[in-house]
Amino acid sequence: MGTVIILLQLFVVLAMIFIGAKVGGIGLGIYGMVGVFVLVFVFGLEPGSVPVDVMLIIVSVITASASLQAAGGLDYMVKVAERFLKKHPSRITFFAPLVTWLFTLLAGTAHTCYALLPIISEIAHKAKVRPERPLSIATISASLGCTGSPVSAATAAIISEKLLGAHGIGMTEIMMVTIPSSFIAILVASLVQNYVGKPLEQDPEYQRRLSQGLLADETETQSESESANPHARWAVMAFLLGVVLIMLFGIFPSLRPSFNGATLEMSLTIEILMMSIAALILLVGKADVYQAMKGNVFASGMNAMVSIFGVAWMGSTFFLGHEQEIMRGVNGVFSTYPMLFAIPLFLFSIMLFSQAATAKTLFPVGLALGVPPTILLVLFPAVNGYFFLPNYPTSVAAIGFDRTGSTHIGKYVVNHSFQLPGWITTFVSIGVGYLIVSFLL
């Protein structure tokens, strides 16, 4: 009878995740909380731990990023990137993903790539490069940047003193593993993408659209015509100052103040720094604080926070309620073959649509099941598995911005443009990360 009850509770958890993902937006967090309600009030499980630290880090980082957007800082960065990409149109497949990856590393969110995608598409089109090639890998690279950014919610989730931070893995180790591995993975995927599909001039869909006059009116990208805030450059410098300070405090814990013999936690450090940096950005960038709340960066960040609130709490409640049964069921499997833990990480990320929610939900499970902390760090890129289904907002945007139709969803849905670069970057980054950990950590 006990097994039946556990299976019923697992069904509730998976059903709430599925319904929330289908609803979209904050629905994932809302239905996750419905799952908590059912587990607690119907099945009588004790509520698990609320991921307060990750949620507050998201609030602080997104507030700074939203302030940067309100000050025109993101537009300024896009213009700099656009000028660089236009100087090298024939190499757009290699440079575009590196640019979107770098943007995410600095800003902590893959949603910064929205402004770059139409630019990448038009540059590729004018250079007679099949837009699918740079657009697909650029979209994947933006997500990959989250697993390595010092200011991303995903990094905040695993660096917590309750997770990898408790095992001596800090900002230094995370960046030492994730940045080189993702950089190499992007280069390998770009090389492969450079030969994907027919040349643009031979693509039947492109020829159809061309013959019907659908591609006749080419206009300059929006960023070229917009009037820039003259103070945007100072806002960017203020934001980058915050990123650098977080890296320094993470790499050199001695720089953080100590209280009662204990060094200030990194999560609190990030929260204090980024909220202060938000104030500095608003000051030097002459930005309207109300505009910061209206931007898509703030909206996407709050969506992530609500999602983590509901889903991670539901996952924690279920796991802690059946920790002993789960441990017996997979006794020794993940401790003997720890790399297999990439499978649940990948599958859950498809359902949760969030690296941070996946890491916060499953990393504690991995540690409890005997997966070494260094291996969890190696497997960090596996939380980017939501590319498997082409319904993530950045993927949908990339398809929409490709006027040639080369970036597409296939007949069977899963055979889409993002599948190949997604798998390549996942496997290569995990493989390179494993080598780095084996020889350096």
Protein backbone atom coordinates (compact mmCIF):
# COMPACT_ATOMS: atom_id res chain seq x y z
CA MET A 1 0.00 0.00 0.00
CA GLY A 2 2.89 2.33 0.78
CA THR A 3 4.26 1.95 -2.76
CA VAL A 4 0.89 2.87 -4.24
CA ILE A 5 0.75 6.04 -2.14
CA ILE A 6 4.27 7.03 -3.23
CA LEU A 7 3.37 6.46 -6.88
CA LEU A 8 0.22 8.55 -6.46
CA GLN A 9 2.26 11.38 -4.96
CA LEU A 10 4.83 11.09 -7.77
CA PHE A 11 1.98 11.27 -10.27
CA VAL A 12 0.78 14.48 -8.60
CA VAL A 13 4.27 15.99 -8.83
CA LEU A 14 4.71 15.10 -12.51
CA ALA A 15 1.16 16.16 -13.37
CA MET A 16 1.64 19.59 -11.78
CA ILE A 17 4.92 20.05 -13.65
CA PHE A 18 3.30 19.03 -16.94
CA ILE A 19 0.25 21.27 -16.47
CA GLY A 20 2.39 24.20 -15.33
CA ALA A 21 4.73 23.86 -18.30
CA LYS A 22 1.76 23.67 -20.68
CA VAL A 23 0.15 26.78 -19.17
CA GLY A 24 3.45 28.65 -19.40
CA GLY A 25 4.57 31.84 -17.67
CA ILE A 26 4.15 31.76 -13.92
CA GLY A 27 1.90 28.72 -14.32
CA LEU A 28 4.83 26.41 -13.51
CA GLY A 29 5.26 28.02 -10.10
CA ILE A 30 1.53 28.25 -9.43
CA TYR A 31 0.82 24.60 -10.19
CA GLY A 32 3.96 23.62 -8.34
CA MET A 33 2.41 25.24 -5.29
CA VAL A 34 -0.81 23.33 -5.95
CA GLY A 35 1.35 20.21 -5.79
CA VAL A 36 2.73 21.35 -2.42
CA PHE A 37 -0.84 21.84 -1.19
CA VAL A 38 -1.87 18.33 -2.25
CA LEU A 39 1.25 16.69 -0.79
CA VAL A 40 0.90 18.53 2.54
CA PHE A 41 -2.87 18.77 3.12
CA VAL A 42 -4.03 15.62 1.35
CA PHE A 43 -1.15 13.17 1.83
CA GLY A 44 0.16 14.66 5.06
CA LEU A 45 3.80 15.15 4.04
CA GLU A 46 5.86 17.70 5.94
CA PRO A 47 6.71 20.73 3.76
CA GLY A 48 10.23 20.71 2.40
CA SER A 49 12.67 23.59 2.42
CA VAL A 50 11.80 26.80 0.57
CA PRO A 51 14.62 27.93 -1.80
CA VAL A 52 14.65 31.42 -0.29
CA ASP A 53 18.35 32.08 -0.97
CA VAL A 54 18.06 31.39 -4.70
CA MET A 55 14.87 33.42 -4.99
CA LEU A 56 16.42 36.46 -3.33
CA ILE A 57 19.51 36.21 -5.55
CA ILE A 58 17.23 36.17 -8.60
CA VAL A 59 15.43 39.27 -7.32
CA SER A 60 18.67 41.16 -6.76
CA VAL A 61 20.34 40.19 -10.05
CA ILE A 62 17.20 40.75 -12.13
CA THR A 63 16.68 44.15 -10.47
CA ALA A 64 20.18 45.16 -11.57
CA SER A 65 19.67 43.74 -15.08
CA ALA A 66 16.27 45.43 -15.40
CA SER A 67 17.81 48.73 -14.32
CA LEU A 68 20.49 48.25 -16.97
CA GLN A 69 17.79 47.70 -19.58
CA ALA A 70 15.88 50.80 -18.46
CA ALA A 71 19.05 52.88 -18.77
CA GLY A 72 19.60 51.67 -22.33
CA GLY A 73 22.60 49.59 -21.32
CA LEU A 74 21.42 46.43 -23.06
CA ASP A 75 20.76 48.38 -26.27
CA TYR A 76 24.24 49.85 -26.04
CA MET A 77 25.78 46.38 -25.66
CA VAL A 78 23.73 45.11 -28.60
CA LYS A 79 25.00 47.95 -30.81
CA VAL A 80 28.60 47.15 -29.92
CA ALA A 81 27.98 43.48 -30.73
CA GLU A 82 26.21 44.40 -33.97
CA ARG A 83 29.15 46.47 -35.19
CA PHE A 84 31.50 43.58 -34.42
CA LEU A 85 29.34 40.98 -36.19
CA LYS A 86 28.88 43.17 -39.28
CA LYS A 87 32.65 43.37 -39.67
CA HIS A 88 32.84 39.57 -39.96
CA PRO A 89 29.68 38.45 -41.85
CA SER A 90 31.27 35.34 -43.37
CA ARG A 91 32.20 34.08 -39.89
CA ILE A 92 28.79 34.73 -38.37
CA THR A 93 28.30 31.04 -37.49
CA PHE A 94 31.37 31.16 -35.24
CA PHE A 95 31.13 34.66 -33.78
CA ALA A 96 27.36 34.94 -33.18
CA PRO A 97 27.19 32.12 -30.58
CA LEU A 98 30.24 33.48 -28.78
CA VAL A 99 28.57 36.89 -28.56
CA THR A 100 25.27 35.53 -27.18
CA TRP A 101 27.21 33.32 -24.75
CA LEU A 102 29.24 36.30 -23.54
CA PHE A 103 26.09 38.38 -23.10
CA THR A 104 24.57 35.70 -20.89
CA LEU A 105 27.78 35.30 -18.89
CA LEU A 106 27.70 39.00 -18.09
CA ALA A 107 23.96 39.50 -17.61
CA GLY A 108 23.05 36.14 -16.08
CA THR A 109 20.01 35.52 -18.31
CA ALA A 110 19.65 33.99 -21.79
CA HIS A 111 16.83 36.42 -22.58
CA THR A 112 19.44 39.04 -23.53
CA CYS A 113 19.78 37.24 -26.87
CA TYR A 114 16.36 38.42 -28.09
CA ALA A 115 17.80 41.71 -29.31
CA LEU A 116 20.67 39.93 -31.08
CA LEU A 117 18.71 37.25 -32.94
CA PRO A 118 17.21 39.50 -35.67
CA ILE A 119 20.64 41.06 -36.19
CA ILE A 120 22.26 37.64 -36.58
CA SER A 121 19.55 36.54 -38.99
CA GLU A 122 19.87 39.58 -41.26
CA ILE A 123 23.68 39.54 -41.29
CA ALA A 124 23.65 35.86 -42.25
CA HIS A 125 21.01 36.45 -44.93
CA LYS A 126 22.92 39.31 -46.53
CA ALA A 127 26.14 37.28 -46.45
CA LYS A 128 24.30 34.37 -48.14
CA VAL A 129 24.94 32.20 -45.08
CA ARG A 130 22.12 29.85 -44.15
CA PRO A 131 20.63 31.68 -41.10
CA GLU A 132 19.77 28.38 -39.42
CA ARG A 133 23.45 27.76 -38.81
CA PRO A 134 24.28 30.79 -36.63
CA LEU A 135 20.77 31.23 -35.17
CA SER A 136 20.46 27.71 -33.77
CA ILE A 137 23.87 27.57 -32.11
CA ALA A 138 23.59 31.20 -30.94
CA THR A 139 20.32 30.37 -29.16
CA ILE A 140 21.81 27.26 -27.53
CA SER A 141 24.95 29.19 -26.53
CA ALA A 142 22.87 31.82 -24.76
CA SER A 143 21.36 29.13 -22.52
CA LEU A 144 24.75 27.50 -22.00
CA GLY A 145 26.05 30.80 -20.65
CA CYS A 146 23.70 30.50 -17.66
CA THR A 147 25.69 27.49 -16.41
CA GLY A 148 28.80 29.51 -15.73
CA SER A 149 27.67 33.09 -15.27
CA PRO A 150 28.63 34.42 -11.83
CA VAL A 151 25.30 36.29 -11.67
CA SER A 152 22.89 33.67 -13.03
CA ALA A 153 20.17 32.06 -10.94
CA ALA A 154 21.49 28.62 -11.91
CA THR A 155 24.98 29.35 -10.55
CA ALA A 156 23.44 30.87 -7.44
CA ALA A 157 21.47 27.66 -6.91
CA ILE A 158 24.51 25.38 -6.85
CA ILE A 159 26.97 27.72 -5.12
CA SER A 160 24.73 27.85 -2.08
CA GLU A 161 26.35 26.92 1.23
CA LYS A 162 23.68 24.21 1.43
CA LEU A 163 24.78 22.57 -1.84
CA LEU A 164 28.18 22.58 -3.55
CA GLY A 165 29.38 25.46 -1.42
CA ALA A 166 29.28 23.16 1.59
CA HIS A 167 31.76 20.86 -0.18
CA GLY A 168 34.41 23.46 -0.95
CA ILE A 169 33.20 24.26 -4.47
CA GLY A 170 32.96 28.00 -4.91
CA MET A 171 33.02 30.58 -7.68
CA THR A 172 36.62 29.75 -8.61
CA GLU A 173 35.93 26.06 -9.21
CA ILE A 174 32.64 26.71 -11.01
CA MET A 175 34.13 29.18 -13.47
CA MET A 176 37.30 27.12 -13.88
CA VAL A 177 35.19 24.20 -15.11
CA THR A 178 32.17 25.73 -16.82
CA ILE A 179 33.69 28.58 -18.82
CA PRO A 180 36.44 26.63 -20.67
CA SER A 181 34.16 23.63 -21.22
CA SER A 182 31.31 25.72 -22.64
CA PHE A 183 33.69 27.76 -24.80
CA ILE A 184 35.17 24.62 -26.37
CA ALA A 185 31.70 23.10 -26.76
CA ILE A 186 30.49 26.18 -28.64
CA LEU A 187 33.47 26.08 -31.00
CA VAL A 188 32.91 22.39 -31.77
CA ALA A 189 29.17 22.89 -32.32
CA SER A 190 29.83 25.95 -34.53
CA LEU A 191 32.21 23.94 -36.68
CA VAL A 192 29.56 21.28 -37.20
CA GLN A 193 26.80 23.85 -37.76
CA ASN A 194 28.86 25.47 -40.48
CA TYR A 195 28.02 22.47 -42.68
CA VAL A 196 24.40 21.88 -41.64
CA GLY A 197 21.71 22.06 -44.31
CA LYS A 198 21.82 23.09 -47.92
CA PRO A 199 23.49 26.37 -48.92
CA LEU A 200 20.95 29.17 -48.66
CA GLU A 201 20.69 29.69 -52.42
CA GLN A 202 19.74 26.01 -52.87
CA ASP A 203 17.19 25.83 -50.06
CA PRO A 204 13.68 25.20 -51.50
CA GLU A 205 11.87 27.11 -48.74
CA TYR A 206 14.12 30.12 -49.27
CA GLN A 207 13.54 29.97 -53.02
CA ARG A 208 9.77 29.77 -52.47
CA ARG A 209 9.74 32.83 -50.23
CA LEU A 210 12.04 34.67 -52.62
CA SER A 211 9.82 33.92 -55.62
CA GLN A 212 6.74 35.11 -53.74
CA GLY A 213 8.41 38.40 -52.86
CA LEU A 214 8.37 37.72 -49.13
CA LEU A 215 12.01 38.74 -48.74
CA ALA A 216 12.01 41.80 -50.97
CA ASP A 217 11.82 44.52 -48.32
CA GLU A 218 14.89 44.35 -46.14
CA THR A 219 15.14 46.93 -43.40
CA GLU A 220 17.89 47.85 -41.07
CA THR A 221 17.69 46.35 -37.61
CA GLN A 222 15.86 48.31 -34.97
CA SER A 223 18.96 48.99 -32.93
CA GLU A 224 20.46 51.13 -35.68
CA SER A 225 17.58 53.57 -35.76
CA GLU A 226 16.91 53.89 -32.05
CA SER A 227 18.23 56.93 -30.25
CA ALA A 228 20.56 55.82 -27.50
CA ASN A 229 20.61 57.11 -23.97
CA PRO A 230 23.88 59.11 -23.73
CA HIS A 231 24.34 57.75 -20.22
CA ALA A 232 23.95 54.09 -21.25
CA ARG A 233 27.70 53.51 -21.35
CA TRP A 234 28.01 54.48 -17.69
CA ALA A 235 25.17 52.11 -16.81
CA VAL A 236 27.00 49.25 -18.54
CA MET A 237 30.21 50.07 -16.67
CA ALA A 238 28.32 50.09 -13.36
CA PHE A 239 26.78 46.69 -14.11
CA LEU A 240 30.12 45.20 -15.14
CA LEU A 241 31.58 46.54 -11.90
CA GLY A 242 29.00 44.46 -10.04
CA VAL A 243 29.89 41.34 -12.03
CA VAL A 244 33.61 41.84 -11.36
CA LEU A 245 33.02 42.40 -7.65
CA ILE A 246 30.97 39.20 -7.37
CA MET A 247 33.74 37.27 -9.10
CA LEU A 248 36.36 38.74 -6.78
CA PHE A 249 34.36 38.05 -3.62
CA GLY A 250 33.65 34.52 -4.87
CA ILE A 251 37.24 33.75 -5.83
CA PHE A 252 38.77 35.41 -2.74
CA PRO A 253 36.49 34.72 0.26
CA SER A 254 38.92 36.61 2.52
CA LEU A 255 37.66 39.85 0.94
CA ARG A 256 34.24 39.28 2.46
CA PRO A 257 33.59 40.52 6.00
CA SER A 258 33.41 38.03 8.86
CA PHE A 259 30.95 37.94 11.73
CA ASN A 260 31.46 35.79 14.81
CA GLY A 261 34.26 33.98 13.01
CA ALA A 262 32.15 33.09 9.95
CA THR A 263 32.66 34.66 6.53
CA LEU A 264 29.64 36.35 4.99
CA GLU A 265 27.82 33.83 2.81
CA MET A 266 28.20 34.23 -0.95
CA SER A 267 24.43 34.30 -1.45
CA LEU A 268 24.09 37.29 0.89
CA THR A 269 27.09 38.93 -0.78
CA ILE A 270 25.45 38.69 -4.21
CA GLU A 271 22.16 40.06 -2.90
CA ILE A 272 23.77 43.06 -1.19
CA LEU A 273 26.07 43.84 -4.11
CA MET A 274 23.56 43.58 -6.96
CA MET A 275 20.85 45.61 -5.25
CA SER A 276 23.45 48.29 -4.55
CA ILE A 277 24.65 48.11 -8.15
CA ALA A 278 21.04 48.56 -9.30
CA ALA A 279 20.94 51.85 -7.42
CA LEU A 280 24.25 52.89 -9.00
CA ILE A 281 22.96 52.02 -12.48
CA LEU A 282 19.81 54.08 -12.00
CA LEU A 283 21.95 56.98 -10.76
CA VAL A 284 24.67 57.09 -13.44
CA GLY A 285 22.35 55.93 -16.23
CA LYS A 286 19.67 58.52 -15.44
CA ALA A 287 17.07 55.76 -15.72
CA ASP A 288 13.43 55.71 -14.71
CA VAL A 289 12.87 53.09 -12.01
CA TYR A 290 9.33 52.47 -13.28
CA GLN A 291 10.67 51.59 -16.74
CA ALA A 292 12.87 48.97 -15.12
CA MET A 293 9.77 47.15 -13.86
CA LYS A 294 8.09 47.26 -17.29
CA GLY A 295 10.94 45.64 -19.26
CA ASN A 296 10.98 42.01 -20.39
CA VAL A 297 14.10 41.29 -18.30
CA PHE A 298 12.27 42.05 -15.05
CA ALA A 299 9.22 40.04 -16.18
CA SER A 300 11.28 36.97 -17.13
CA GLY A 301 13.21 37.16 -13.86
CA MET A 302 10.08 37.30 -11.74
CA ASN A 303 8.69 34.41 -13.75
CA ALA A 304 11.80 32.38 -12.89
CA MET A 305 11.47 33.25 -9.22
CA VAL A 306 7.83 32.15 -9.03
CA SER A 307 8.66 28.93 -10.91
CA ILE A 308 11.47 28.05 -8.51
CA PHE A 309 9.28 28.91 -5.53
CA GLY A 310 6.60 26.40 -6.49
CA VAL A 311 8.46 23.63 -8.31
CA ALA A 312 11.56 23.41 -6.09
CA TRP A 313 9.41 23.44 -2.94
CA MET A 314 7.21 20.68 -4.37
CA GLY A 315 10.24 18.57 -5.32
CA SER A 316 11.83 19.08 -1.92
CA THR A 317 8.60 18.12 -0.14
CA PHE A 318 8.25 14.89 -2.12
CA PHE A 319 11.91 13.85 -1.81
CA LEU A 320 12.26 14.57 1.90
CA GLY A 321 8.99 12.77 2.56
CA HIS A 322 10.32 9.61 0.94
CA GLU A 323 14.06 9.98 1.26
CA GLN A 324 14.62 6.53 2.74
CA GLU A 325 12.47 4.74 0.13
CA ILE A 326 14.16 6.59 -2.74
CA MET A 327 17.60 5.83 -1.34
CA ARG A 328 16.77 2.12 -1.13
CA GLY A 329 15.30 2.10 -4.63
CA VAL A 330 18.45 3.44 -6.30
CA ASN A 331 20.90 2.15 -3.72
CA GLY A 332 24.40 2.39 -5.11
CA VAL A 333 23.39 3.15 -8.72
CA PHE A 334 24.40 6.82 -8.85
CA SER A 335 27.25 6.42 -6.36
CA THR A 336 28.70 3.66 -8.60
CA TYR A 337 27.85 5.33 -11.92
CA PRO A 338 27.57 9.03 -10.99
CA MET A 339 27.64 10.29 -14.59
CA LEU A 340 24.21 8.67 -15.08
CA PHE A 341 22.77 11.45 -12.94
CA ALA A 342 22.92 13.57 -16.11
CA ILE A 343 19.79 11.73 -17.26
CA PRO A 344 17.40 12.99 -14.54
CA LEU A 345 18.98 16.45 -14.77
CA PHE A 346 18.33 16.55 -18.51
CA LEU A 347 14.80 15.15 -18.30
CA PHE A 348 13.73 17.45 -15.47
CA SER A 349 15.09 20.51 -17.28
CA ILE A 350 12.82 19.67 -20.23
CA MET A 351 9.82 19.77 -17.91
CA LEU A 352 10.87 22.64 -15.66
CA PHE A 353 12.10 25.05 -18.38
CA SER A 354 14.61 26.44 -15.88
CA GLN A 355 18.24 25.62 -15.13
CA ALA A 356 17.96 27.11 -11.66
CA ALA A 357 14.80 25.20 -10.77
CA THR A 358 16.32 21.95 -12.05
CA ALA A 359 19.56 22.44 -10.14
CA LYS A 360 17.82 23.51 -6.95
CA THR A 361 15.43 20.56 -7.13
CA LEU A 362 17.84 17.76 -8.10
CA PHE A 363 21.31 18.71 -6.84
CA PRO A 364 20.30 17.99 -3.20
CA VAL A 365 18.94 14.65 -4.41
CA GLY A 366 22.22 13.89 -6.19
CA LEU A 367 24.26 14.64 -3.09
CA ALA A 368 21.96 12.46 -0.99
CA LEU A 369 22.30 9.60 -3.50
CA GLY A 370 26.08 9.69 -3.30
CA VAL A 371 26.98 11.61 -6.45
CA PRO A 372 30.32 13.36 -5.77
CA PRO A 373 30.04 17.17 -5.69
CA THR A 374 32.71 17.54 -8.39
CA ILE A 375 30.70 15.27 -10.71
CA LEU A 376 27.59 17.36 -10.11
CA LEU A 377 29.63 20.36 -11.20
CA VAL A 378 30.69 18.48 -14.34
CA LEU A 379 27.06 17.59 -15.06
CA PHE A 380 25.87 21.17 -14.60
CA PRO A 381 25.38 21.73 -18.40
CA ALA A 382 22.82 18.88 -18.44
CA VAL A 383 20.27 21.29 -16.91
CA ASN A 384 20.09 22.99 -20.34
CA GLY A 385 18.03 20.13 -21.77
CA TYR A 386 14.95 22.23 -22.48
CA PHE A 387 16.19 22.69 -26.06
CA PHE A 388 14.84 19.15 -26.71
CA LEU A 389 11.37 20.55 -27.36
CA PRO A 390 11.29 23.68 -29.55
CA ASN A 391 8.90 25.63 -27.34
CA TYR A 392 11.29 27.65 -25.19
CA PRO A 393 10.85 31.41 -25.84
CA THR A 394 14.35 31.94 -27.26
CA SER A 395 13.90 29.05 -29.72
CA VAL A 396 10.50 30.34 -30.80
CA ALA A 397 11.99 33.82 -31.27
CA ALA A 398 14.88 32.50 -33.39
CA ILE A 399 12.46 30.69 -35.71
CA GLY A 400 10.35 33.83 -36.03
CA PHE A 401 13.30 36.11 -36.80
CA ASP A 402 14.57 33.89 -39.64
CA ARG A 403 12.73 35.34 -42.62
CA THR A 404 14.30 32.75 -44.96
CA GLY A 405 12.58 29.85 -43.19
CA SER A 406 15.78 27.84 -42.79
CA THR A 407 15.41 27.72 -38.97
CA HIS A 408 12.49 25.38 -38.56
CA ILE A 409 10.55 22.74 -36.64
CA GLY A 410 10.41 19.42 -38.49
CA LYS A 411 7.49 17.16 -39.23
CA TYR A 412 8.03 15.16 -36.05
CA VAL A 413 8.51 18.25 -33.82
CA VAL A 414 11.69 16.93 -32.18
CA ASN A 415 13.60 17.07 -35.48
CA HIS A 416 14.16 20.81 -35.27
CA SER A 417 17.08 23.16 -35.88
CA PHE A 418 18.23 23.32 -32.23
CA GLN A 419 18.52 19.58 -31.61
CA LEU A 420 22.02 18.98 -33.05
CA PRO A 421 23.80 21.99 -31.49
CA GLY A 422 22.01 21.31 -28.22
CA TRP A 423 23.26 17.73 -27.96
CA ILE A 424 26.77 18.63 -29.13
CA THR A 425 27.22 21.43 -26.59
CA THR A 426 25.81 19.25 -23.79
CA PHE A 427 28.05 16.26 -24.47
CA VAL A 428 31.20 18.25 -25.25
CA SER A 429 30.88 20.60 -22.27
CA ILE A 430 30.32 17.67 -19.89
CA GLY A 431 33.25 15.78 -21.43
CA VAL A 432 35.64 18.72 -21.25
CA GLY A 433 34.43 19.51 -17.74
CA TYR A 434 35.19 15.95 -16.66
CA LEU A 435 38.76 16.26 -17.97
CA ILE A 436 39.25 19.58 -16.18
CA VAL A 437 37.97 18.14 -12.89
CA SER A 438 40.07 14.99 -13.29
CA PHE A 439 43.33 16.86 -13.80
CA LEU A 440 42.89 20.14 -11.92
CA LEU A 441 40.43 19.57 -9.03
